[in-house]
Protein backbone atom coordinates (compact mmCIF):
# COMPACT_ATOMS: atom_id res chain seq x y z
CA MET A 1 -17.69 -113.69 196.65
CA LYS A 2 -18.22 -114.20 192.91
CA ILE A 3 -19.71 -111.67 190.57
CA LYS A 4 -21.21 -112.94 187.39
CA LEU A 5 -20.78 -110.62 184.43
CA ASN A 6 -23.58 -110.28 182.06
CA LYS A 7 -23.19 -111.31 178.44
CA GLN A 8 -22.68 -107.76 177.11
CA VAL A 9 -19.74 -107.07 179.45
CA GLN A 10 -18.07 -110.35 178.49
CA ILE A 11 -18.26 -109.50 174.80
CA ARG A 12 -16.66 -106.06 175.34
CA LYS A 13 -13.83 -107.63 177.35
CA LYS A 14 -13.00 -110.03 174.50
CA GLN A 15 -13.06 -107.13 171.99
CA ALA A 16 -10.57 -105.14 174.11
CA ILE A 17 -8.19 -108.08 174.34
CA LEU A 18 -8.35 -108.61 170.58
CA PHE A 19 -7.75 -104.92 169.95
CA LEU A 20 -4.65 -104.86 172.18
CA GLY A 21 -3.34 -107.98 170.47
CA PHE A 22 -3.87 -106.32 167.13
CA LEU A 23 -1.75 -103.32 168.22
CA TYR A 24 1.03 -105.54 169.54
CA PHE A 25 1.17 -107.47 166.28
CA PHE A 26 1.50 -104.48 163.98
CA ASN A 27 4.01 -102.73 166.20
CA GLY A 28 6.26 -105.76 166.00
CA ILE A 29 6.36 -106.20 169.79
CA TYR A 30 5.47 -109.89 169.99
CA ALA A 31 5.29 -110.76 166.30
CA GLN A 32 7.12 -113.95 165.40
CA CYS A 33 6.51 -115.21 161.87
CA THR A 34 8.45 -116.35 158.84
CA VAL A 35 7.73 -116.24 155.13
CA ASN A 36 9.56 -117.70 152.15
CA GLY A 37 11.18 -114.98 150.05
CA PRO A 38 12.46 -115.07 146.46
CA SER A 39 15.96 -116.41 145.80
CA LYS A 40 18.76 -113.96 145.12
CA PHE A 41 22.02 -113.89 143.17
CA ILE A 42 25.05 -112.05 144.53
CA SER A 43 28.19 -111.48 142.45
CA LYS A 44 30.97 -110.23 144.68
CA CYS A 45 34.53 -109.14 143.87
CA GLY A 46 36.76 -110.40 146.63
CA SER A 47 37.48 -113.48 148.71
CA SER A 48 34.44 -113.38 151.04
CA TYR A 49 30.85 -112.23 151.45
CA THR A 50 28.87 -111.68 154.66
CA LEU A 51 25.24 -112.80 154.66
CA ASN A 52 22.49 -110.90 156.47
CA THR A 53 22.64 -113.48 159.21
CA GLY A 54 26.25 -112.45 159.89
CA ARG A 55 27.72 -115.60 158.42
CA LYS A 56 30.86 -115.01 156.38
CA VAL A 57 31.20 -117.26 153.36
CA THR A 58 34.52 -117.71 151.57
CA SER A 59 33.52 -119.76 148.55
CA SER A 60 30.90 -119.55 145.83
CA GLY A 61 27.72 -121.55 146.39
CA LEU A 62 24.07 -121.64 147.43
CA TYR A 63 23.30 -120.41 150.95
CA THR A 64 20.25 -119.79 153.12
CA ASP A 65 19.88 -116.23 154.29
CA SER A 66 17.19 -114.17 156.00
CA ALA A 67 16.09 -110.59 156.37
CA ILE A 68 13.41 -108.69 158.28
CA GLY A 69 10.64 -108.06 155.81
CA TYR A 70 7.08 -106.74 155.78
CA GLN A 71 5.42 -106.25 159.20
CA GLY A 72 8.59 -107.40 160.99
CA CYS A 73 8.42 -110.99 159.72
CA ASP A 74 11.64 -112.88 158.96
CA SER A 75 11.99 -113.52 155.23
CA ILE A 76 13.89 -116.75 154.52
CA PHE A 77 15.42 -117.10 151.08
CA GLN A 78 18.14 -118.81 149.10
CA VAL A 79 21.09 -116.76 147.85
CA ARG A 80 23.59 -117.93 145.29
CA VAL A 81 26.92 -116.24 145.94
CA SER A 82 29.53 -115.94 143.20
CA LEU A 83 32.93 -114.84 144.51
CA ASN A 84 35.27 -113.39 141.88
CA SER A 85 38.93 -112.89 142.61
CA LEU A 86 40.23 -109.34 142.37
CA PRO A 87 42.52 -108.62 139.39
CA LEU A 88 46.00 -107.28 140.02
CA ALA A 89 46.92 -103.94 138.43
CA SER A 90 50.64 -103.30 138.10
CA ILE A 91 52.67 -100.77 136.09
CA ALA A 92 56.06 -101.25 134.47
CA LEU A 93 58.07 -98.23 133.27
CA SER A 94 60.71 -98.87 130.62
CA SER A 95 62.06 -95.30 130.64
CA ASP A 96 63.66 -93.11 133.29
CA ARG A 97 61.31 -92.02 136.04
CA SER A 98 62.89 -88.55 136.21
CA GLN A 99 63.34 -86.73 132.90
CA CYS A 100 64.01 -83.21 131.68
CA LEU A 101 61.13 -81.36 130.05
CA THR A 102 62.79 -81.16 126.64
CA GLY A 103 62.36 -84.47 124.86
CA ASN A 104 60.64 -86.26 127.76
CA SER A 105 58.98 -89.57 126.85
CA TYR A 106 57.58 -92.09 129.34
CA SER A 107 56.75 -95.67 128.30
CA PHE A 108 54.17 -97.34 130.56
CA SER A 109 52.95 -100.92 130.26
CA PHE A 110 50.45 -103.13 132.10
CA ASN A 111 52.33 -105.73 134.12
CA GLY A 112 49.56 -107.27 136.24
CA ASN A 113 47.04 -110.12 136.04
CA ALA A 114 43.43 -109.61 134.97
CA LEU A 115 42.49 -113.23 135.87
CA THR A 116 40.16 -113.31 132.86
CA SER A 117 40.84 -113.38 129.14
CA ASN A 118 38.81 -110.24 128.47
CA TYR A 119 39.67 -107.01 130.27
CA THR A 120 40.14 -103.28 129.70
CA VAL A 121 43.00 -101.02 130.73
CA SER A 122 42.76 -97.24 131.00
CA TRP A 123 45.46 -94.70 131.87
CA ASN A 124 45.02 -91.36 133.62
CA PHE A 125 48.26 -89.38 133.30
CA GLY A 126 47.37 -86.75 135.89
CA ASP A 127 47.84 -83.74 133.61
CA GLY A 128 44.26 -83.26 132.44
CA SER A 129 44.89 -84.82 129.04
CA ALA A 130 42.73 -87.52 127.43
CA LEU A 131 42.80 -91.00 128.97
CA GLY A 132 45.05 -93.58 127.37
CA SER A 133 44.05 -97.17 126.59
CA GLY A 134 45.77 -100.43 125.80
CA THR A 135 48.39 -102.48 127.58
CA SER A 136 51.26 -100.18 126.51
CA VAL A 137 51.24 -96.40 126.18
CA THR A 138 53.79 -93.62 125.63
CA LYS A 139 53.33 -90.19 127.16
CA SER A 140 55.14 -86.86 126.77
CA PHE A 141 54.30 -84.05 129.19
CA SER A 142 54.14 -80.41 128.10
CA THR A 143 55.00 -78.86 131.47
CA ALA A 144 57.46 -79.56 134.24
CA ASN A 145 55.82 -81.03 137.34
CA THR A 146 55.24 -84.21 139.34
CA PHE A 147 52.58 -86.42 137.75
CA LYS A 148 50.78 -89.47 139.17
CA THR A 149 49.77 -91.87 136.42
CA ILE A 150 46.88 -94.16 137.42
CA LEU A 151 46.17 -97.50 135.73
CA THR A 152 42.60 -98.82 136.04
CA LEU A 153 42.11 -102.51 135.26
CA THR A 154 38.58 -103.94 134.77
CA ASN A 155 38.02 -107.61 133.95
CA ASP A 156 34.92 -109.23 132.45
CA SER A 157 33.63 -110.10 135.94
CA GLY A 158 33.32 -106.39 136.60
CA CYS A 159 36.09 -106.46 139.20
CA VAL A 160 38.38 -103.44 139.29
CA ASP A 161 41.86 -102.73 140.59
CA THR A 162 44.02 -99.62 140.28
CA GLU A 163 47.72 -98.86 140.51
CA SER A 164 49.56 -95.53 140.44
CA TYR A 165 53.07 -94.56 139.39
CA THR A 166 54.62 -91.14 140.00
CA VAL A 167 57.00 -89.61 137.46
CA PHE A 168 58.99 -86.39 137.60
CA VAL A 169 59.32 -83.91 134.72
CA ARG A 170 62.19 -81.56 135.56
CA PRO A 171 62.26 -77.88 134.50
CA GLN A 172 64.42 -76.92 131.55
CA PRO A 173 66.93 -74.04 131.73
CA THR A 174 66.81 -71.26 129.16
CA VAL A 175 70.24 -69.94 128.15
CA ALA A 176 70.78 -66.35 127.00
CA TYR A 177 73.65 -63.87 127.16
CA THR A 178 74.74 -60.57 125.64
CA VAL A 179 78.12 -59.40 124.28
CA ASN A 180 79.42 -55.87 124.50
CA ASN A 181 80.57 -55.91 120.84
CA LEU A 182 80.52 -58.89 118.48
CA ASN A 183 83.10 -57.36 116.10
CA GLN A 184 86.40 -55.98 117.40
CA CYS A 185 89.89 -55.33 116.08
CA LEU A 186 92.70 -57.51 117.34
CA LYS A 187 94.49 -54.67 119.00
CA GLY A 188 92.85 -53.92 122.33
CA ASN A 189 90.04 -56.42 121.87
CA ASN A 190 88.08 -57.24 125.04
CA PHE A 191 84.87 -59.21 124.78
CA SER A 192 82.54 -59.05 127.78
CA PHE A 193 79.75 -61.64 128.18
CA THR A 194 76.76 -60.97 130.45
CA ASN A 195 74.68 -63.99 131.44
CA ALA A 196 70.86 -63.73 131.23
CA SER A 197 69.98 -67.42 131.67
CA GLY A 198 67.21 -68.67 133.95
CA ILE A 199 65.11 -71.61 135.15
CA SER A 200 61.65 -71.83 136.75
CA SER A 201 62.94 -73.59 139.87
CA GLY A 202 66.27 -74.82 141.17
CA SER A 203 69.80 -73.58 140.53
CA LEU A 204 72.11 -73.48 137.51
CA SER A 205 75.79 -74.04 136.90
CA TYR A 206 77.59 -72.62 133.86
CA LEU A 207 80.31 -73.56 131.41
CA TRP A 208 81.80 -71.07 128.92
CA SER A 209 83.90 -72.14 125.94
CA PHE A 210 85.53 -69.43 123.83
CA GLY A 211 86.42 -71.31 120.68
CA ASP A 212 90.19 -70.61 120.78
CA GLY A 213 91.38 -73.65 122.72
CA SER A 214 91.77 -71.71 125.95
CA SER A 215 90.50 -72.93 129.29
CA ASN A 216 86.77 -72.93 129.86
CA ALA A 217 85.19 -70.66 132.48
CA THR A 218 82.57 -71.65 135.04
CA THR A 219 81.65 -68.17 136.26
CA THR A 220 78.20 -66.64 135.80
CA ASN A 221 79.60 -63.89 133.55
CA ALA A 222 82.82 -64.02 131.54
CA SER A 223 85.28 -62.00 129.44
CA ARG A 224 87.92 -62.88 126.85
CA LYS A 225 90.83 -61.20 125.04
CA TYR A 226 91.87 -63.01 121.87
CA LEU A 227 95.51 -63.28 120.81
CA ALA A 228 94.88 -63.80 117.11
CA ASP A 229 92.42 -62.56 114.57
CA GLY A 230 89.70 -64.86 113.32
CA ASN A 231 86.12 -65.98 113.79
CA TYR A 232 85.31 -67.56 117.16
CA SER A 233 82.24 -69.42 118.43
CA VAL A 234 81.45 -68.73 122.06
CA LYS A 235 79.18 -71.29 123.71
CA LEU A 236 77.44 -71.08 127.07
CA ILE A 237 76.00 -74.26 128.62
CA ALA A 238 73.65 -74.06 131.64
CA THR A 239 73.03 -77.21 133.71
CA SER A 240 70.34 -77.58 136.39
CA SER A 241 70.61 -79.55 139.61
CA PHE A 242 68.71 -82.38 137.83
CA ASP A 243 71.25 -82.36 134.96
CA CYS A 244 68.88 -80.67 132.50
CA LYS A 245 70.85 -78.62 129.97
CA ASP A 246 70.46 -75.83 127.47
CA SER A 247 73.05 -73.96 125.41
CA ASN A 248 73.51 -70.86 123.30
CA THR A 249 76.29 -70.15 120.79
CA LYS A 250 77.28 -66.82 119.27
CA SER A 251 79.85 -65.98 116.60
CA LEU A 252 82.52 -63.29 117.20
CA ASN A 253 84.86 -61.58 114.76
CA VAL A 254 88.35 -60.44 115.68
CA TYR A 255 89.61 -58.41 112.78
CA PRO A 256 93.30 -58.47 111.80
CA GLN A 257 95.43 -55.49 112.61
CA VAL A 258 96.98 -53.36 109.84
CA SER A 259 100.78 -53.63 109.94
CA SER A 260 103.92 -52.54 108.07
CA ILE A 261 102.56 -49.10 107.34
CA SER A 262 104.99 -46.88 105.47
CA ALA A 263 104.85 -43.65 103.49
CA SER A 264 107.38 -41.69 101.37
CA VAL A 265 107.52 -38.56 99.27
CA ASP A 266 109.66 -38.08 96.17
CA ASN A 267 110.85 -34.65 97.20
CA SER A 268 110.79 -32.95 100.51
CA ALA A 269 111.19 -29.36 99.22
CA LEU A 270 110.06 -27.71 96.01
CA CYS A 271 109.58 -24.14 94.78
CA LYS A 272 106.16 -22.72 95.08
CA LYS A 273 105.74 -22.33 91.38
CA GLY A 274 104.99 -25.64 89.71
CA ASN A 275 105.54 -27.80 92.81
CA GLU A 276 104.21 -31.35 92.77
CA PHE A 277 104.83 -33.83 95.52
CA ASN A 278 104.39 -37.57 94.87
CA PHE A 279 103.53 -39.64 97.91
CA THR A 280 103.87 -43.40 98.08
CA GLY A 281 102.23 -45.43 100.87
CA SER A 282 102.00 -49.08 101.74
CA ALA A 283 100.51 -51.29 104.43
CA SER A 284 99.78 -54.96 104.96
CA ILE A 285 97.05 -57.02 106.56
CA SER A 286 96.81 -60.77 107.11
CA SER A 287 93.39 -61.05 105.51
CA GLY A 288 90.89 -58.81 103.82
CA THR A 289 91.50 -55.63 101.89
CA LEU A 290 92.68 -52.15 102.77
CA SER A 291 91.35 -48.77 101.78
CA TYR A 292 93.50 -45.60 101.88
């Protein structure tokens, strides 16, 4: 049995189908279309570049690529890929890597390959100071610590590479000591030295020299009795576990002893009236003067 639709029903059926098709198209469900997009230029640092299609290219050139564009349509376009080799940053150090704080000086130089004639080099020393520039730099650190120096190399293709180098600035000892009395007479002299040296980290070893040719001492504190008068320089050297040194020297005086003391009187007994005794004294000393 066939039912013949009237003209008005047929028109509404066609409108519904068109409306559903319209929805499908703009929701991207069944849309399949392509458009020609503008060409692109890609400059890439490295040895390869992956297109939107998933193709990995390993040389510079002109390639066809695509991307999903407006309303879900595939946009086909040409892309010119320029692959630029990465520069090589490398650091050479012409000084010791580990140095004591006092007098430290590190000489860094660029030892890599920029791959282009024009390039820039910057140095970050890791201590918060201003950046350095140029292929060779010298740096002195103001505090003891471990510092990572970073070299950043940028060539005229805009490609960048970095390299780091760690240096060690070792703490410096500070030497100090006290003496019980800097000036003593030869007889009974006994100089006592009390060590007050220190260092921010690590341990110290000591070496005392007394300036009289006697054996040195390696104790923390020391004492010395001198056998002859004179002026003596006592030096204390402190050495850290990283062989960083400091010293302090003090001057001592050992005064000569008075000797050959004698005294005489011209008469041992006189009458009370008009008595006058004459005393004569003498003494000797190896240096200096005597008062009586």
